[in-house]
Amino acid sequence: MNRILLTAIAFSAIAAAHAAQAAPNNATTTTTKLTVNGMVCAFCAQGIEKRLTALPQTQAVYVNLGKKLVAVQAKEGQILDTAKLRAEISEAGFDVTKVEPSDESVETIRATMKARK
C-alpha cells in the first residue's frame, strides 16, 4: 500500500513539473480587459488599437468590435496604468464602462474569442 501511495505521489510531482514547463508563465503577464462603448466600425477599433499600442508599457492589444472588448497586455516587468488606458480611449471619443484585470495573455483572449464564433 505504501509503495502505491509513494508511486502516486511521485507521479503527481512529475506531472506537475511537466505542466509547469509546458504552460506559459502567466504570473508575469499583466493584462487589462476594458469594455468600450461607441465602437461601431473597424476604423474605430483600429484607432483604439493604434493609440494603446503606442504606449511604452504595451506589449499587445486586441480589440473585439462585436463584444466591445479591448484587451491590453503589458510588457514583462511593466504595469499598465488603467487611468491612462481610460484616458487614451476617452480622448479617442469612446466610453469605457468596465475595467478588469486578467491573468490571460492577449493571445489567449484572442483565441478564445475566435473559438466562440
N, C-alpha and C. Protein backbone atom coordinates (compact mmCIF):
# COMPACT_ATOMS: atom_id res chain seq x y z
N MET A 1 0.83 -1.20 0.00
CA MET A 1 0.00 0.00 0.00
C MET A 1 0.86 1.25 0.00
N ASN A 2 1.93 1.25 0.84
CA ASN A 2 2.82 2.41 0.90
C ASN A 2 3.52 2.63 -0.43
N ARG A 3 3.89 1.54 -1.08
CA ARG A 3 4.57 1.65 -2.37
C ARG A 3 3.66 2.30 -3.41
N ILE A 4 2.39 1.92 -3.41
CA ILE A 4 1.43 2.51 -4.34
C ILE A 4 1.26 3.99 -4.05
N LEU A 5 1.16 4.35 -2.79
CA LEU A 5 0.99 5.75 -2.40
C LEU A 5 2.21 6.57 -2.81
N LEU A 6 3.41 6.06 -2.57
CA LEU A 6 4.63 6.76 -2.95
C LEU A 6 4.73 6.91 -4.47
N THR A 7 4.34 5.88 -5.19
CA THR A 7 4.36 5.95 -6.65
C THR A 7 3.39 7.01 -7.14
N ALA A 8 2.22 7.07 -6.55
CA ALA A 8 1.23 8.08 -6.95
C ALA A 8 1.73 9.49 -6.65
N ILE A 9 2.36 9.69 -5.52
CA ILE A 9 2.90 11.00 -5.15
C ILE A 9 4.01 11.40 -6.12
N ALA A 10 4.89 10.47 -6.42
CA ALA A 10 5.98 10.75 -7.35
C ALA A 10 5.44 11.08 -8.74
N PHE A 11 4.46 10.34 -9.18
CA PHE A 11 3.86 10.60 -10.49
C PHE A 11 3.22 11.98 -10.53
N SER A 12 2.52 12.36 -9.46
CA SER A 12 1.89 13.68 -9.38
C SER A 12 2.91 14.79 -9.45
N ALA A 13 4.02 14.61 -8.75
CA ALA A 13 5.08 15.63 -8.75
C ALA A 13 5.69 15.78 -10.14
N ILE A 14 5.92 14.68 -10.82
CA ILE A 14 6.49 14.72 -12.17
C ILE A 14 5.50 15.38 -13.14
N ALA A 15 4.23 15.02 -13.03
CA ALA A 15 3.22 15.60 -13.91
C ALA A 15 3.10 17.11 -13.67
N ALA A 16 3.15 17.54 -12.42
CA ALA A 16 3.06 18.97 -12.12
C ALA A 16 4.26 19.73 -12.67
N ALA A 17 5.44 19.14 -12.54
CA ALA A 17 6.64 19.79 -13.07
C ALA A 17 6.58 19.89 -14.59
N HIS A 18 6.09 18.86 -15.23
CA HIS A 18 5.97 18.87 -16.69
C HIS A 18 4.96 19.93 -17.13
N ALA A 19 3.83 20.02 -16.45
CA ALA A 19 2.80 21.01 -16.80
C ALA A 19 3.33 22.43 -16.62
N ALA A 20 4.12 22.64 -15.59
CA ALA A 20 4.68 23.98 -15.35
C ALA A 20 5.63 24.38 -16.47
N GLN A 21 6.38 23.42 -17.00
CA GLN A 21 7.30 23.71 -18.10
C GLN A 21 6.54 23.95 -19.40
N ALA A 22 5.46 23.23 -19.62
CA ALA A 22 4.73 23.34 -20.87
C ALA A 22 3.85 24.59 -20.94
N ALA A 23 3.35 25.03 -19.81
CA ALA A 23 2.45 26.18 -19.79
C ALA A 23 3.23 27.47 -19.73
N PRO A 24 2.73 28.53 -20.41
CA PRO A 24 3.40 29.82 -20.31
C PRO A 24 3.26 30.38 -18.90
N ASN A 25 4.19 31.19 -18.49
CA ASN A 25 4.18 31.77 -17.16
C ASN A 25 3.27 32.98 -17.13
N ASN A 26 2.04 32.79 -16.69
CA ASN A 26 1.07 33.88 -16.65
C ASN A 26 1.28 34.78 -15.45
N ALA A 27 2.14 34.39 -14.51
CA ALA A 27 2.36 35.23 -13.34
C ALA A 27 3.01 36.55 -13.76
N THR A 28 3.78 36.54 -14.85
CA THR A 28 4.42 37.77 -15.30
C THR A 28 3.56 38.52 -16.31
N THR A 29 2.44 37.94 -16.72
CA THR A 29 1.57 38.58 -17.69
C THR A 29 0.57 39.46 -16.97
N THR A 30 0.57 40.72 -17.32
CA THR A 30 -0.39 41.65 -16.76
C THR A 30 -1.26 42.16 -17.90
N THR A 31 -2.51 41.74 -17.89
CA THR A 31 -3.44 42.13 -18.94
C THR A 31 -4.64 42.84 -18.31
N THR A 32 -5.10 43.86 -19.00
CA THR A 32 -6.29 44.58 -18.58
C THR A 32 -7.34 44.47 -19.67
N LYS A 33 -8.55 44.08 -19.27
CA LYS A 33 -9.67 43.99 -20.21
C LYS A 33 -10.60 45.17 -19.94
N LEU A 34 -10.99 45.86 -21.02
CA LEU A 34 -11.87 47.01 -20.91
C LEU A 34 -13.09 46.80 -21.79
N THR A 35 -14.25 47.18 -21.29
CA THR A 35 -15.46 47.20 -22.10
C THR A 35 -15.63 48.62 -22.59
N VAL A 36 -15.76 48.78 -23.91
CA VAL A 36 -15.77 50.11 -24.53
C VAL A 36 -17.03 50.29 -25.36
N ASN A 37 -17.80 51.30 -25.03
CA ASN A 37 -18.98 51.64 -25.83
C ASN A 37 -18.62 52.68 -26.87
N GLY A 38 -19.33 52.63 -28.00
CA GLY A 38 -19.14 53.63 -29.04
C GLY A 38 -18.37 53.13 -30.25
N MET A 39 -17.76 51.95 -30.14
CA MET A 39 -17.05 51.39 -31.30
C MET A 39 -18.10 50.83 -32.25
N VAL A 40 -18.14 51.36 -33.47
CA VAL A 40 -19.15 50.90 -34.42
C VAL A 40 -18.57 50.35 -35.72
N CYS A 41 -17.27 50.54 -35.92
CA CYS A 41 -16.68 50.08 -37.18
C CYS A 41 -15.22 49.68 -36.97
N ALA A 42 -14.65 49.07 -37.98
CA ALA A 42 -13.26 48.64 -37.92
C ALA A 42 -12.31 49.82 -37.75
N PHE A 43 -12.67 50.97 -38.29
CA PHE A 43 -11.84 52.17 -38.14
C PHE A 43 -11.76 52.59 -36.68
N CYS A 44 -12.88 52.48 -35.95
CA CYS A 44 -12.91 52.77 -34.51
C CYS A 44 -11.95 51.84 -33.76
N ALA A 45 -12.08 50.55 -34.04
CA ALA A 45 -11.23 49.56 -33.38
C ALA A 45 -9.76 49.79 -33.70
N GLN A 46 -9.46 50.12 -34.94
CA GLN A 46 -8.08 50.36 -35.36
C GLN A 46 -7.51 51.59 -34.66
N GLY A 47 -8.32 52.63 -34.48
CA GLY A 47 -7.85 53.83 -33.79
C GLY A 47 -7.49 53.56 -32.34
N ILE A 48 -8.33 52.79 -31.66
CA ILE A 48 -8.05 52.43 -30.27
C ILE A 48 -6.79 51.58 -30.20
N GLU A 49 -6.70 50.58 -31.06
CA GLU A 49 -5.53 49.70 -31.07
C GLU A 49 -4.25 50.49 -31.30
N LYS A 50 -4.28 51.42 -32.23
CA LYS A 50 -3.09 52.22 -32.55
C LYS A 50 -2.67 53.08 -31.35
N ARG A 51 -3.63 53.73 -30.70
CA ARG A 51 -3.32 54.58 -29.55
C ARG A 51 -2.71 53.77 -28.40
N LEU A 52 -3.30 52.62 -28.10
CA LEU A 52 -2.84 51.83 -26.97
C LEU A 52 -1.52 51.11 -27.27
N THR A 53 -1.31 50.73 -28.51
CA THR A 53 -0.05 50.10 -28.89
C THR A 53 1.11 51.08 -28.77
N ALA A 54 0.84 52.36 -28.95
CA ALA A 54 1.88 53.38 -28.87
C ALA A 54 2.37 53.64 -27.44
N LEU A 55 1.64 53.18 -26.44
CA LEU A 55 2.08 53.38 -25.06
C LEU A 55 3.33 52.55 -24.79
N PRO A 56 4.31 53.11 -24.09
CA PRO A 56 5.58 52.39 -23.90
C PRO A 56 5.47 51.09 -23.08
N GLN A 57 4.44 50.95 -22.25
CA GLN A 57 4.29 49.75 -21.43
C GLN A 57 3.58 48.61 -22.16
N THR A 58 3.01 48.90 -23.32
CA THR A 58 2.15 47.94 -24.02
C THR A 58 2.94 46.94 -24.85
N GLN A 59 2.61 45.67 -24.62
CA GLN A 59 3.20 44.59 -25.43
C GLN A 59 2.25 44.21 -26.55
N ALA A 60 0.94 44.08 -26.23
CA ALA A 60 -0.02 43.64 -27.24
C ALA A 60 -1.39 44.23 -26.93
N VAL A 61 -2.17 44.43 -28.00
CA VAL A 61 -3.53 44.94 -27.88
C VAL A 61 -4.44 44.09 -28.76
N TYR A 62 -5.62 43.79 -28.26
CA TYR A 62 -6.63 43.08 -29.04
C TYR A 62 -7.94 43.82 -28.87
N VAL A 63 -8.61 44.11 -29.98
CA VAL A 63 -9.90 44.79 -29.95
C VAL A 63 -10.92 43.89 -30.64
N ASN A 64 -12.00 43.58 -29.93
CA ASN A 64 -13.10 42.81 -30.49
C ASN A 64 -14.29 43.73 -30.59
N LEU A 65 -14.59 44.17 -31.78
CA LEU A 65 -15.65 45.14 -32.04
C LEU A 65 -17.02 44.62 -31.60
N GLY A 66 -17.32 43.38 -31.93
CA GLY A 66 -18.62 42.80 -31.61
C GLY A 66 -18.88 42.67 -30.11
N LYS A 67 -17.86 42.34 -29.35
CA LYS A 67 -18.00 42.16 -27.91
C LYS A 67 -17.70 43.44 -27.13
N LYS A 68 -17.32 44.51 -27.85
CA LYS A 68 -16.95 45.79 -27.21
C LYS A 68 -15.80 45.60 -26.22
N LEU A 69 -14.87 44.72 -26.58
CA LEU A 69 -13.77 44.34 -25.70
C LEU A 69 -12.45 44.88 -26.22
N VAL A 70 -11.67 45.45 -25.30
CA VAL A 70 -10.30 45.84 -25.60
C VAL A 70 -9.44 45.17 -24.54
N ALA A 71 -8.45 44.40 -24.97
CA ALA A 71 -7.52 43.74 -24.05
C ALA A 71 -6.13 44.30 -24.32
N VAL A 72 -5.46 44.71 -23.23
CA VAL A 72 -4.13 45.30 -23.34
C VAL A 72 -3.20 44.53 -22.42
N GLN A 73 -2.10 44.07 -22.98
CA GLN A 73 -1.11 43.31 -22.21
C GLN A 73 0.14 44.15 -22.05
N ALA A 74 0.64 44.20 -20.82
CA ALA A 74 1.85 44.96 -20.52
C ALA A 74 3.08 44.16 -20.89
N LYS A 75 4.16 44.88 -21.19
CA LYS A 75 5.44 44.23 -21.40
C LYS A 75 5.89 43.61 -20.07
N GLU A 76 6.73 42.61 -20.17
CA GLU A 76 7.22 41.95 -18.97
C GLU A 76 7.91 42.96 -18.04
N GLY A 77 7.52 42.92 -16.78
CA GLY A 77 8.09 43.83 -15.79
C GLY A 77 7.43 45.20 -15.76
N GLN A 78 6.47 45.44 -16.64
CA GLN A 78 5.78 46.72 -16.71
C GLN A 78 4.37 46.58 -16.10
N ILE A 79 3.80 47.72 -15.73
CA ILE A 79 2.45 47.75 -15.19
C ILE A 79 1.64 48.74 -16.02
N LEU A 80 0.43 48.36 -16.36
CA LEU A 80 -0.46 49.24 -17.11
C LEU A 80 -1.20 50.15 -16.13
N ASP A 81 -1.24 51.42 -16.46
CA ASP A 81 -1.98 52.40 -15.68
C ASP A 81 -3.39 52.46 -16.25
N THR A 82 -4.37 51.94 -15.49
CA THR A 82 -5.73 51.89 -16.01
C THR A 82 -6.30 53.28 -16.25
N ALA A 83 -5.88 54.24 -15.45
CA ALA A 83 -6.35 55.62 -15.69
C ALA A 83 -5.84 56.13 -17.04
N LYS A 84 -4.61 55.79 -17.38
CA LYS A 84 -4.04 56.19 -18.68
C LYS A 84 -4.76 55.48 -19.82
N LEU A 85 -5.07 54.21 -19.64
CA LEU A 85 -5.81 53.47 -20.68
C LEU A 85 -7.18 54.10 -20.90
N ARG A 86 -7.88 54.40 -19.80
CA ARG A 86 -9.20 55.06 -19.89
C ARG A 86 -9.08 56.39 -20.61
N ALA A 87 -8.05 57.17 -20.24
CA ALA A 87 -7.86 58.49 -20.84
C ALA A 87 -7.61 58.39 -22.34
N GLU A 88 -6.77 57.47 -22.75
CA GLU A 88 -6.47 57.29 -24.18
C GLU A 88 -7.73 56.93 -24.96
N ILE A 89 -8.53 56.04 -24.41
CA ILE A 89 -9.75 55.61 -25.09
C ILE A 89 -10.77 56.75 -25.11
N SER A 90 -10.88 57.47 -24.00
CA SER A 90 -11.81 58.60 -23.93
C SER A 90 -11.42 59.71 -24.90
N GLU A 91 -10.11 59.99 -24.98
CA GLU A 91 -9.63 61.01 -25.92
C GLU A 91 -9.90 60.63 -27.37
N ALA A 92 -10.00 59.34 -27.62
CA ALA A 92 -10.32 58.87 -28.97
C ALA A 92 -11.82 58.97 -29.25
N GLY A 93 -12.60 59.31 -28.21
CA GLY A 93 -14.03 59.51 -28.42
C GLY A 93 -14.93 58.37 -27.99
N PHE A 94 -14.42 57.48 -27.15
CA PHE A 94 -15.19 56.31 -26.73
C PHE A 94 -15.36 56.30 -25.22
N ASP A 95 -16.30 55.50 -24.75
CA ASP A 95 -16.65 55.44 -23.33
C ASP A 95 -16.25 54.08 -22.75
N VAL A 96 -15.40 54.11 -21.74
CA VAL A 96 -15.01 52.88 -21.04
C VAL A 96 -16.02 52.64 -19.93
N THR A 97 -16.71 51.51 -19.98
CA THR A 97 -17.73 51.21 -18.98
C THR A 97 -17.28 50.20 -17.93
N LYS A 98 -16.22 49.44 -18.23
CA LYS A 98 -15.76 48.43 -17.29
C LYS A 98 -14.28 48.18 -17.50
N VAL A 99 -13.55 48.03 -16.39
CA VAL A 99 -12.12 47.70 -16.44
C VAL A 99 -11.90 46.53 -15.48
N GLU A 100 -11.22 45.50 -15.97
CA GLU A 100 -10.93 44.37 -15.10
C GLU A 100 -9.58 43.75 -15.44
N PRO A 101 -8.84 43.33 -14.42
CA PRO A 101 -7.57 42.66 -14.67
C PRO A 101 -7.83 41.23 -15.17
N SER A 102 -6.86 40.69 -15.88
CA SER A 102 -6.98 39.33 -16.38
C SER A 102 -5.63 38.63 -16.28
N ASP A 103 -5.66 37.35 -15.97
CA ASP A 103 -4.44 36.54 -15.94
C ASP A 103 -4.11 35.98 -17.31
N GLU A 104 -5.02 36.12 -18.26
CA GLU A 104 -4.81 35.59 -19.61
C GLU A 104 -3.99 36.57 -20.44
N SER A 105 -3.22 36.03 -21.36
CA SER A 105 -2.49 36.88 -22.30
C SER A 105 -3.47 37.36 -23.37
N VAL A 106 -3.08 38.40 -24.10
CA VAL A 106 -3.90 38.90 -25.20
C VAL A 106 -4.09 37.79 -26.24
N GLU A 107 -3.08 37.02 -26.49
CA GLU A 107 -3.17 35.94 -27.47
C GLU A 107 -4.20 34.89 -27.04
N THR A 108 -4.26 34.57 -25.76
CA THR A 108 -5.25 33.62 -25.24
C THR A 108 -6.65 34.19 -25.37
N ILE A 109 -6.82 35.47 -25.04
CA ILE A 109 -8.12 36.13 -25.16
C ILE A 109 -8.58 36.12 -26.61
N ARG A 110 -7.67 36.45 -27.53
CA ARG A 110 -7.98 36.45 -28.95
C ARG A 110 -8.43 35.06 -29.41
N ALA A 111 -7.70 34.04 -29.02
CA ALA A 111 -8.02 32.66 -29.42
C ALA A 111 -9.37 32.24 -28.85
N THR A 112 -9.67 32.62 -27.62
CA THR A 112 -10.94 32.30 -27.00
C THR A 112 -12.09 32.96 -27.75
N MET A 113 -11.92 34.20 -28.12
CA MET A 113 -12.98 34.92 -28.84
C MET A 113 -13.20 34.32 -30.23
N LYS A 114 -12.12 33.93 -30.91
CA LYS A 114 -12.27 33.32 -32.24
C LYS A 114 -12.94 31.96 -32.14
N ALA A 115 -12.68 31.22 -31.06
CA ALA A 115 -13.28 29.90 -30.90
C ALA A 115 -14.78 30.00 -30.63
N ARG A 116 -15.23 31.11 -30.08
CA ARG A 116 -16.66 31.29 -29.76
C ARG A 116 -17.48 31.64 -30.97
N LYS A 117 -16.86 32.04 -32.07
CA LYS A 117 -17.60 32.44 -33.28
C LYS A 117 -18.36 31.31 -33.87
